[in-house]
Amino acid sequence: MKAIIHEGKQGIEGLSLRDFQEPEVNSGMVKIKLKTAGLNRRDLMVLTRHKEEQPPLIIGSDGAGTIVEAAGDVTNAAEGDEVIINPGLG
């Protein structure tokens, strides 16, 4: 998948657009096929808090799309549901 990644340097200099391995859907998780995505001020703040020695971080706190896979223990959402990403929920 294509993703905006932050790694290696603090601030905006650590950003790059590149291919990134899709994460596996683990317990409590869903995979969303995005229809739209965006950056917000939270993403700008993360660029200064994410340290150079930490693993790569996918940037993008806002988005909407359709669930294409859900872990077996997810009970409040299902494949085909249209959803929005709310980063304030943790």
PDB file of N, CA and C in Angstrom:
ATOM      1  N   MET A   1       0.837  -1.177   0.000  1.00  0.00           N
ATOM      2  CA  MET A   1       0.000   0.000   0.000  1.00  0.00           C
ATOM      3  C   MET A   1       0.879   1.236   0.000  1.00  0.00           C
ATOM      4  N   LYS A   2       0.388   2.333  -0.517  1.00  0.00           N
ATOM      5  CA  LYS A   2       1.090   3.612  -0.461  1.00  0.00           C
ATOM      6  C   LYS A   2       0.720   4.310   0.844  1.00  0.00           C
ATOM      7  N   ALA A   3       1.709   4.942   1.457  1.00  0.00           N
ATOM      8  CA  ALA A   3       1.450   5.637   2.714  1.00  0.00           C
ATOM      9  C   ALA A   3       2.438   6.782   2.881  1.00  0.00           C
ATOM     10  N   ILE A   4       2.008   7.805   3.617  1.00  0.00           N
ATOM     11  CA  ILE A   4       2.920   8.868   4.031  1.00  0.00           C
ATOM     12  C   ILE A   4       3.538   8.396   5.345  1.00  0.00           C
ATOM     13  N   ILE A   5       4.850   8.228   5.328  1.00  0.00           N
ATOM     14  CA  ILE A   5       5.577   7.649   6.450  1.00  0.00           C
ATOM     15  C   ILE A   5       6.467   8.704   7.098  1.00  0.00           C
ATOM     16  N   HIS A   6       6.539   8.676   8.429  1.00  0.00           N
ATOM     17  CA  HIS A   6       7.476   9.524   9.152  1.00  0.00           C
ATOM     18  C   HIS A   6       8.505   8.615   9.803  1.00  0.00           C
ATOM     19  N   GLU A   7       9.788   8.849   9.487  1.00  0.00           N
ATOM     20  CA  GLU A   7      10.859   8.059  10.106  1.00  0.00           C
ATOM     21  C   GLU A   7      12.208   8.732   9.891  1.00  0.00           C
ATOM     22  N   GLY A   8      13.126   8.462  10.810  1.00  0.00           N
ATOM     23  CA  GLY A   8      14.524   8.847  10.627  1.00  0.00           C
ATOM     24  C   GLY A   8      14.899  10.253  11.033  1.00  0.00           C
ATOM     25  N   LYS A   9      14.001  11.212  10.927  1.00  0.00           N
ATOM     26  CA  LYS A   9      14.273  12.602  11.298  1.00  0.00           C
ATOM     27  C   LYS A   9      13.023  13.192  11.910  1.00  0.00           C
ATOM     28  N   GLN A  10      13.203  14.054  12.901  1.00  0.00           N
ATOM     29  CA  GLN A  10      12.054  14.737  13.475  1.00  0.00           C
ATOM     30  C   GLN A  10      11.606  15.839  12.529  1.00  0.00           C
ATOM     31  N   GLY A  11      10.330  16.212  12.652  1.00  0.00           N
ATOM     32  CA  GLY A  11       9.787  17.290  11.836  1.00  0.00           C
ATOM     33  C   GLY A  11       9.429  16.838  10.438  1.00  0.00           C
ATOM     34  N   ILE A  12       9.119  17.798   9.613  1.00  0.00           N
ATOM     35  CA  ILE A  12       8.644  17.542   8.258  1.00  0.00           C
ATOM     36  C   ILE A  12       9.693  16.851   7.387  1.00  0.00           C
ATOM     37  N   GLU A  13      10.969  16.987   7.746  1.00  0.00           N
ATOM     38  CA  GLU A  13      12.046  16.363   6.971  1.00  0.00           C
ATOM     39  C   GLU A  13      11.977  14.839   7.016  1.00  0.00           C
ATOM     40  N   GLY A  14      11.289  14.279   8.000  1.00  0.00           N
ATOM     41  CA  GLY A  14      11.178  12.830   8.137  1.00  0.00           C
ATOM     42  C   GLY A  14      10.043  12.208   7.332  1.00  0.00           C
ATOM     43  N   LEU A  15       9.322  13.004   6.544  1.00  0.00           N
ATOM     44  CA  LEU A  15       8.188  12.498   5.771  1.00  0.00           C
ATOM     45  C   LEU A  15       8.600  11.980   4.404  1.00  0.00           C
ATOM     46  N   SER A  16       7.954  10.902   3.972  1.00  0.00           N
ATOM     47  CA  SER A  16       8.129  10.403   2.613  1.00  0.00           C
ATOM     48  C   SER A  16       6.879   9.625   2.214  1.00  0.00           C
ATOM     49  N   LEU A  17       6.618   9.605   0.920  1.00  0.00           N
ATOM     50  CA  LEU A  17       5.536   8.793   0.365  1.00  0.00           C
ATOM     51  C   LEU A  17       6.182   7.547  -0.206  1.00  0.00           C
ATOM     52  N   ARG A  18       5.749   6.382   0.274  1.00  0.00           N
ATOM     53  CA  ARG A  18       6.370   5.157  -0.224  1.00  0.00           C
ATOM     54  C   ARG A  18       5.454   3.964  -0.003  1.00  0.00           C
ATOM     55  N   ASP A  19       5.865   2.856  -0.587  1.00  0.00           N
ATOM     56  CA  ASP A  19       5.153   1.605  -0.353  1.00  0.00           C
ATOM     57  C   ASP A  19       5.435   1.143   1.068  1.00  0.00           C
ATOM     58  N   PHE A  20       4.423   0.593   1.700  1.00  0.00           N
ATOM     59  CA  PHE A  20       4.539   0.135   3.077  1.00  0.00           C
ATOM     60  C   PHE A  20       3.743  -1.156   3.198  1.00  0.00           C
ATOM     61  N   GLN A  21       4.286  -2.129   3.898  1.00  0.00           N
ATOM     62  CA  GLN A  21       3.584  -3.396   4.063  1.00  0.00           C
ATOM     63  C   GLN A  21       2.300  -3.189   4.856  1.00  0.00           C
ATOM     64  N   GLU A  22       1.200  -3.745   4.347  1.00  0.00           N
ATOM     65  CA  GLU A  22      -0.071  -3.615   5.052  1.00  0.00           C
ATOM     66  C   GLU A  22      -0.012  -4.346   6.380  1.00  0.00           C
ATOM     67  N   PRO A  23      -0.441  -3.690   7.451  1.00  0.00           N
ATOM     68  CA  PRO A  23      -0.477  -4.365   8.753  1.00  0.00           C
ATOM     69  C   PRO A  23      -1.517  -5.484   8.755  1.00  0.00           C
ATOM     70  N   GLU A  24      -1.273  -6.510   9.565  1.00  0.00           N
ATOM     71  CA  GLU A  24      -2.250  -7.580   9.735  1.00  0.00           C
ATOM     72  C   GLU A  24      -3.381  -7.089  10.616  1.00  0.00           C
ATOM     73  N   VAL A  25      -4.567  -7.641  10.400  1.00  0.00           N
ATOM     74  CA  VAL A  25      -5.723  -7.321  11.234  1.00  0.00           C
ATOM     75  C   VAL A  25      -5.662  -8.230  12.453  1.00  0.00           C
ATOM     76  N   ASN A  26      -5.347  -7.644  13.590  1.00  0.00           N
ATOM     77  CA  ASN A  26      -5.253  -8.381  14.855  1.00  0.00           C
ATOM     78  C   ASN A  26      -6.509  -8.157  15.684  1.00  0.00           C
ATOM     79  N   SER A  27      -6.553  -8.751  16.842  1.00  0.00           N
ATOM     80  CA  SER A  27      -7.693  -8.660  17.746  1.00  0.00           C
ATOM     81  C   SER A  27      -8.149  -7.215  17.944  1.00  0.00           C
ATOM     82  N   GLY A  28      -9.439  -6.987  17.808  1.00  0.00           N
ATOM     83  CA  GLY A  28     -10.015  -5.666  18.035  1.00  0.00           C
ATOM     84  C   GLY A  28      -9.838  -4.688  16.888  1.00  0.00           C
ATOM     85  N   MET A  29      -9.282  -5.150  15.770  1.00  0.00           N
ATOM     86  CA  MET A  29      -8.973  -4.246  14.659  1.00  0.00           C
ATOM     87  C   MET A  29      -9.849  -4.516  13.438  1.00  0.00           C
ATOM     88  N   VAL A  30      -9.942  -3.493  12.575  1.00  0.00           N
ATOM     89  CA  VAL A  30     -10.566  -3.626  11.260  1.00  0.00           C
ATOM     90  C   VAL A  30      -9.627  -3.038  10.222  1.00  0.00           C
ATOM     91  N   LYS A  31      -9.770  -3.478   8.972  1.00  0.00           N
ATOM     92  CA  LYS A  31      -9.025  -2.904   7.856  1.00  0.00           C
ATOM     93  C   LYS A  31     -10.021  -2.102   7.029  1.00  0.00           C
ATOM     94  N   ILE A  32      -9.636  -0.868   6.694  1.00  0.00           N
ATOM     95  CA  ILE A  32     -10.526   0.033   5.967  1.00  0.00           C
ATOM     96  C   ILE A  32      -9.927   0.350   4.607  1.00  0.00           C
ATOM     97  N   LYS A  33     -10.753   0.230   3.557  1.00  0.00           N
ATOM     98  CA  LYS A  33     -10.365   0.724   2.240  1.00  0.00           C
ATOM     99  C   LYS A  33     -10.792   2.185   2.205  1.00  0.00           C
ATOM    100  N   LEU A  34      -9.790   3.077   2.218  1.00  0.00           N
ATOM    101  CA  LEU A  34     -10.092   4.499   2.288  1.00  0.00           C
ATOM    102  C   LEU A  34     -10.672   5.022   0.980  1.00  0.00           C
ATOM    103  N   LYS A  35     -11.683   5.876   1.116  1.00  0.00           N
ATOM    104  CA  LYS A  35     -12.216   6.618  -0.027  1.00  0.00           C
ATOM    105  C   LYS A  35     -11.657   8.033  -0.028  1.00  0.00           C
ATOM    106  N   THR A  36     -11.365   8.519   1.174  1.00  0.00           N
ATOM    107  CA  THR A  36     -10.782   9.852   1.317  1.00  0.00           C
ATOM    108  C   THR A  36      -9.921   9.882   2.566  1.00  0.00           C
ATOM    109  N   ALA A  37      -8.868  10.681   2.530  1.00  0.00           N
ATOM    110  CA  ALA A  37      -7.967  10.786   3.678  1.00  0.00           C
ATOM    111  C   ALA A  37      -7.464  12.216   3.782  1.00  0.00           C
ATOM    112  N   GLY A  38      -7.043  12.586   4.978  1.00  0.00           N
ATOM    113  CA  GLY A  38      -6.531  13.933   5.153  1.00  0.00           C
ATOM    114  C   GLY A  38      -5.624  14.025   6.361  1.00  0.00           C
ATOM    115  N   LEU A  39      -4.892  15.111   6.417  1.00  0.00           N
ATOM    116  CA  LEU A  39      -4.032  15.410   7.553  1.00  0.00           C
ATOM    117  C   LEU A  39      -4.683  16.522   8.363  1.00  0.00           C
ATOM    118  N   ASN A  40      -4.431  16.540   9.660  1.00  0.00           N
ATOM    119  CA  ASN A  40      -4.927  17.623  10.497  1.00  0.00           C
ATOM    120  C   ASN A  40      -3.819  18.095  11.427  1.00  0.00           C
ATOM    121  N   ARG A  41      -4.135  18.993  12.318  1.00  0.00           N
ATOM    122  CA  ARG A  41      -3.087  19.567  13.177  1.00  0.00           C
ATOM    123  C   ARG A  41      -2.458  18.521  14.092  1.00  0.00           C
ATOM    124  N   ARG A  42      -3.179  17.470  14.419  1.00  0.00           N
ATOM    125  CA  ARG A  42      -2.607  16.385  15.215  1.00  0.00           C
ATOM    126  C   ARG A  42      -1.424  15.767  14.479  1.00  0.00           C
ATOM    127  N   ASP A  43      -1.553  15.583  13.182  1.00  0.00           N
ATOM    128  CA  ASP A  43      -0.470  15.004  12.397  1.00  0.00           C
ATOM    129  C   ASP A  43       0.773  15.883  12.431  1.00  0.00           C
ATOM    130  N   LEU A  44       0.594  17.180  12.416  1.00  0.00           N
ATOM    131  CA  LEU A  44       1.746  18.092  12.499  1.00  0.00           C
ATOM    132  C   LEU A  44       2.435  17.986  13.853  1.00  0.00           C
ATOM    133  N   MET A  45       1.658  17.830  14.920  1.00  0.00           N
ATOM    134  CA  MET A  45       2.236  17.697  16.258  1.00  0.00           C
ATOM    135  C   MET A  45       3.003  16.381  16.404  1.00  0.00           C
ATOM    136  N   VAL A  46       2.500  15.322  15.798  1.00  0.00           N
ATOM    137  CA  VAL A  46       3.155  14.018  15.872  1.00  0.00           C
ATOM    138  C   VAL A  46       4.560  14.087  15.279  1.00  0.00           C
ATOM    139  N   LEU A  47       4.762  14.924  14.276  1.00  0.00           N
ATOM    140  CA  LEU A  47       6.065  15.014  13.613  1.00  0.00           C
ATOM    141  C   LEU A  47       7.171  15.462  14.560  1.00  0.00           C
ATOM    142  N   THR A  48       6.837  16.178  15.613  1.00  0.00           N
ATOM    143  CA  THR A  48       7.854  16.608  16.574  1.00  0.00           C
ATOM    144  C   THR A  48       7.976  15.639  17.753  1.00  0.00           C
ATOM    145  N   ARG A  49       6.931  14.849  18.014  1.00  0.00           N
ATOM    146  CA  ARG A  49       6.966  13.890  19.131  1.00  0.00           C
ATOM    147  C   ARG A  49       7.526  12.526  18.726  1.00  0.00           C
ATOM    148  N   HIS A  50       7.387  12.159  17.460  1.00  0.00           N
ATOM    149  CA  HIS A  50       7.864  10.857  16.984  1.00  0.00           C
ATOM    150  C   HIS A  50       9.378  10.925  16.856  1.00  0.00           C
ATOM    151  N   LYS A  51      10.070  10.096  17.613  1.00  0.00           N
ATOM    152  CA  LYS A  51      11.536  10.139  17.696  1.00  0.00           C
ATOM    153  C   LYS A  51      12.198   9.368  16.553  1.00  0.00           C
ATOM    154  N   GLU A  52      13.409   9.781  16.222  1.00  0.00           N
ATOM    155  CA  GLU A  52      14.173   9.186  15.125  1.00  0.00           C
ATOM    156  C   GLU A  52      14.389   7.692  15.306  1.00  0.00           C
ATOM    157  N   GLU A  53      14.566   7.231  16.537  1.00  0.00           N
ATOM    158  CA  GLU A  53      14.862   5.822  16.789  1.00  0.00           C
ATOM    159  C   GLU A  53      13.603   4.942  16.828  1.00  0.00           C
ATOM    160  N   GLN A  54      12.416   5.543  16.787  1.00  0.00           N
ATOM    161  CA  GLN A  54      11.172   4.776  16.816  1.00  0.00           C
ATOM    162  C   GLN A  54      10.861   4.187  15.438  1.00  0.00           C
ATOM    163  N   PRO A  55      10.069   3.108  15.408  1.00  0.00           N
ATOM    164  CA  PRO A  55       9.702   2.494  14.119  1.00  0.00           C
ATOM    165  C   PRO A  55       8.949   3.487  13.223  1.00  0.00           C
ATOM    166  N   PRO A  56       8.919   3.248  11.911  1.00  0.00           N
ATOM    167  CA  PRO A  56       8.185   4.127  11.004  1.00  0.00           C
ATOM    168  C   PRO A  56       6.729   4.286  11.436  1.00  0.00           C
ATOM    169  N   LEU A  57       6.181   5.476  11.212  1.00  0.00           N
ATOM    170  CA  LEU A  57       4.819   5.805  11.615  1.00  0.00           C
ATOM    171  C   LEU A  57       4.043   6.270  10.396  1.00  0.00           C
ATOM    172  N   ILE A  58       2.880   5.679  10.170  1.00  0.00           N
ATOM    173  CA  ILE A  58       2.002   6.131   9.088  1.00  0.00           C
ATOM    174  C   ILE A  58       1.256   7.363   9.568  1.00  0.00           C
ATOM    175  N   ILE A  59       1.357   8.445   8.808  1.00  0.00           N
ATOM    176  CA  ILE A  59       0.708   9.709   9.156  1.00  0.00           C
ATOM    177  C   ILE A  59      -0.671   9.777   8.491  1.00  0.00           C
ATOM    178  N   GLY A  60      -1.615  10.372   9.167  1.00  0.00           N
ATOM    179  CA  GLY A  60      -2.953  10.571   8.618  1.00  0.00           C
ATOM    180  C   GLY A  60      -4.002  10.229   9.651  1.00  0.00           C
ATOM    181  N   SER A  61      -4.598  11.235  10.244  1.00  0.00           N
ATOM    182  CA  SER A  61      -5.558  11.003  11.316  1.00  0.00           C
ATOM    183  C   SER A  61      -7.002  11.092  10.864  1.00  0.00           C
ATOM    184  N   ASP A  62      -7.245  11.596   9.683  1.00  0.00           N
ATOM    185  CA  ASP A  62      -8.616  11.759   9.208  1.00  0.00           C
ATOM    186  C   ASP A  62      -8.830  10.920   7.961  1.00  0.00           C
ATOM    187  N   GLY A  63      -9.973  10.266   7.913  1.00  0.00           N
ATOM    188  CA  GLY A  63     -10.280   9.473   6.732  1.00  0.00           C
ATOM    189  C   GLY A  63     -11.667   8.872   6.824  1.00  0.00           C
ATOM    190  N   ALA A  64     -12.128   8.353   5.697  1.00  0.00           N
ATOM    191  CA  ALA A  64     -13.420   7.674   5.621  1.00  0.00           C
ATOM    192  C   ALA A  64     -13.327   6.599   4.558  1.00  0.00           C
ATOM    193  N   GLY A  65     -14.057   5.520   4.761  1.00  0.00           N
ATOM    194  CA  GLY A  65     -14.038   4.435   3.791  1.00  0.00           C
ATOM    195  C   GLY A  65     -14.942   3.296   4.206  1.00  0.00           C
ATOM    196  N   THR A  66     -14.618   2.105   3.712  1.00  0.00           N
ATOM    197  CA  THR A  66     -15.429   0.920   3.927  1.00  0.00           C
ATOM    198  C   THR A  66     -14.582  -0.172   4.570  1.00  0.00           C
ATOM    199  N   ILE A  67     -15.150  -0.852   5.555  1.00  0.00           N
ATOM    200  CA  ILE A  67     -14.456  -1.961   6.199  1.00  0.00           C
ATOM    201  C   ILE A  67     -14.385  -3.128   5.219  1.00  0.00           C
ATOM    202  N   VAL A  68     -13.152  -3.628   5.010  1.00  0.00           N
ATOM    203  CA  VAL A  68     -12.955  -4.771   4.106  1.00  0.00           C
ATOM    204  C   VAL A  68     -12.553  -6.035   4.862  1.00  0.00           C
ATOM    205  N   GLU A  69     -12.180  -5.894   6.121  1.00  0.00           N
ATOM    206  CA  GLU A  69     -11.830  -7.055   6.951  1.00  0.00           C
ATOM    207  C   GLU A  69     -11.973  -6.661   8.410  1.00  0.00           C
ATOM    208  N   ALA A  70     -12.505  -7.573   9.202  1.00  0.00           N
ATOM    209  CA  ALA A  70     -12.655  -7.338  10.641  1.00  0.00           C
ATOM    210  C   ALA A  70     -12.169  -8.561  11.397  1.00  0.00           C
ATOM    211  N   ALA A  71     -11.472  -8.323  12.511  1.00  0.00           N
ATOM    212  CA  ALA A  71     -11.044  -9.424  13.373  1.00  0.00           C
ATOM    213  C   ALA A  71     -12.278 -10.138  13.929  1.00  0.00           C
ATOM    214  N   GLY A  72     -12.120 -11.407  14.252  1.00  0.00           N
ATOM    215  CA  GLY A  72     -13.245 -12.211  14.721  1.00  0.00           C
ATOM    216  C   GLY A  72     -13.900 -11.713  15.989  1.00  0.00           C
ATOM    217  N   ASP A  73     -13.162 -10.975  16.818  1.00  0.00           N
ATOM    218  CA  ASP A  73     -13.730 -10.494  18.075  1.00  0.00           C
ATOM    219  C   ASP A  73     -14.386  -9.123  17.956  1.00  0.00           C
ATOM    220  N   VAL A  74     -14.417  -8.528  16.774  1.00  0.00           N
ATOM    221  CA  VAL A  74     -15.073  -7.226  16.571  1.00  0.00           C
ATOM    222  C   VAL A  74     -16.564  -7.470  16.414  1.00  0.00           C
ATOM    223  N   THR A  75     -17.362  -6.854  17.298  1.00  0.00           N
ATOM    224  CA  THR A  75     -18.803  -7.098  17.289  1.00  0.00           C
ATOM    225  C   THR A  75     -19.639  -5.873  16.906  1.00  0.00           C
ATOM    226  N   ASN A  76     -19.016  -4.692  16.899  1.00  0.00           N
ATOM    227  CA  ASN A  76     -19.793  -3.477  16.636  1.00  0.00           C
ATOM    228  C   ASN A  76     -19.572  -2.924  15.231  1.00  0.00           C
ATOM    229  N   ALA A  77     -18.901  -3.691  14.360  1.00  0.00           N
ATOM    230  CA  ALA A  77     -18.669  -3.274  12.978  1.00  0.00           C
ATOM    231  C   ALA A  77     -18.468  -4.534  12.144  1.00  0.00           C
ATOM    232  N   ALA A  78     -18.788  -4.416  10.836  1.00  0.00           N
ATOM    233  CA  ALA A  78     -18.682  -5.584   9.959  1.00  0.00           C
ATOM    234  C   ALA A  78     -18.205  -5.174   8.580  1.00  0.00           C
ATOM    235  N   GLU A  79     -17.718  -6.154   7.819  1.00  0.00           N
ATOM    236  CA  GLU A  79     -17.306  -5.895   6.456  1.00  0.00           C
ATOM    237  C   GLU A  79     -18.450  -5.226   5.697  1.00  0.00           C
ATOM    238  N   GLY A  80     -18.099  -4.210   4.916  1.00  0.00           N
ATOM    239  CA  GLY A  80     -19.088  -3.467   4.139  1.00  0.00           C
ATOM    240  C   GLY A  80     -19.592  -2.216   4.824  1.00  0.00           C
ATOM    241  N   ASP A  81     -19.396  -2.083   6.140  1.00  0.00           N
ATOM    242  CA  ASP A  81     -19.828  -0.871   6.850  1.00  0.00           C
ATOM    243  C   ASP A  81     -19.006   0.328   6.385  1.00  0.00           C
ATOM    244  N   GLU A  82     -19.676   1.459   6.186  1.00  0.00           N
ATOM    245  CA  GLU A  82     -18.973   2.706   5.891  1.00  0.00           C
ATOM    246  C   GLU A  82     -18.639   3.381   7.213  1.00  0.00           C
ATOM    247  N   VAL A  83     -17.392   3.844   7.348  1.00  0.00           N
ATOM    248  CA  VAL A  83     -16.914   4.381   8.618  1.00  0.00           C
ATOM    249  C   VAL A  83     -16.092   5.643   8.416  1.00  0.00           C
ATOM    250  N   ILE A  84     -15.920   6.388   9.500  1.00  0.00           N
ATOM    251  CA  ILE A  84     -14.965   7.503   9.534  1.00  0.00           C
ATOM    252  C   ILE A  84     -13.930   7.184  10.594  1.00  0.00           C
ATOM    253  N   ILE A  85     -12.742   7.743  10.443  1.00  0.00           N
ATOM    254  CA  ILE A  85     -11.673   7.569  11.427  1.00  0.00           C
ATOM    255  C   ILE A  85     -11.755   8.727  12.416  1.00  0.00           C
ATOM    256  N   ASN A  86     -11.827   8.398  13.704  1.00  0.00           N
ATOM    257  CA  ASN A  86     -11.855   9.403  14.753  1.00  0.00           C
ATOM    258  C   ASN A  86     -10.632   9.197  15.642  1.00  0.00           C
ATOM    259  N   PRO A  87      -9.543   9.974  15.420  1.00  0.00           N
ATOM    260  CA  PRO A  87      -8.319   9.740  16.184  1.00  0.00           C
ATOM    261  C   PRO A  87      -8.462  10.073  17.670  1.00  0.00           C
ATOM    262  N   GLY A  88      -9.508  10.781  18.034  1.00  0.00           N
ATOM    263  CA  GLY A  88      -9.715  11.142  19.429  1.00  0.00           C
ATOM    264  C   GLY A  88     -10.189   9.986  20.290  1.00  0.00           C
ATOM    265  N   LEU A  89     -10.493   8.845  19.683  1.00  0.00           N
ATOM    266  CA  LEU A  89     -10.956   7.698  20.446  1.00  0.00           C
ATOM    267  C   LEU A  89      -9.830   6.802  20.901  1.00  0.00           C
ATOM    268  N   GLY A  90      -8.601   7.162  20.545  1.00  0.00           N
ATOM    269  CA  GLY A  90      -7.443   6.400  21.009  1.00  0.00           C
ATOM    270  C   GLY A  90      -6.962   5.411  19.985  1.00  0.00           C
TER     271      GLY A  90
END
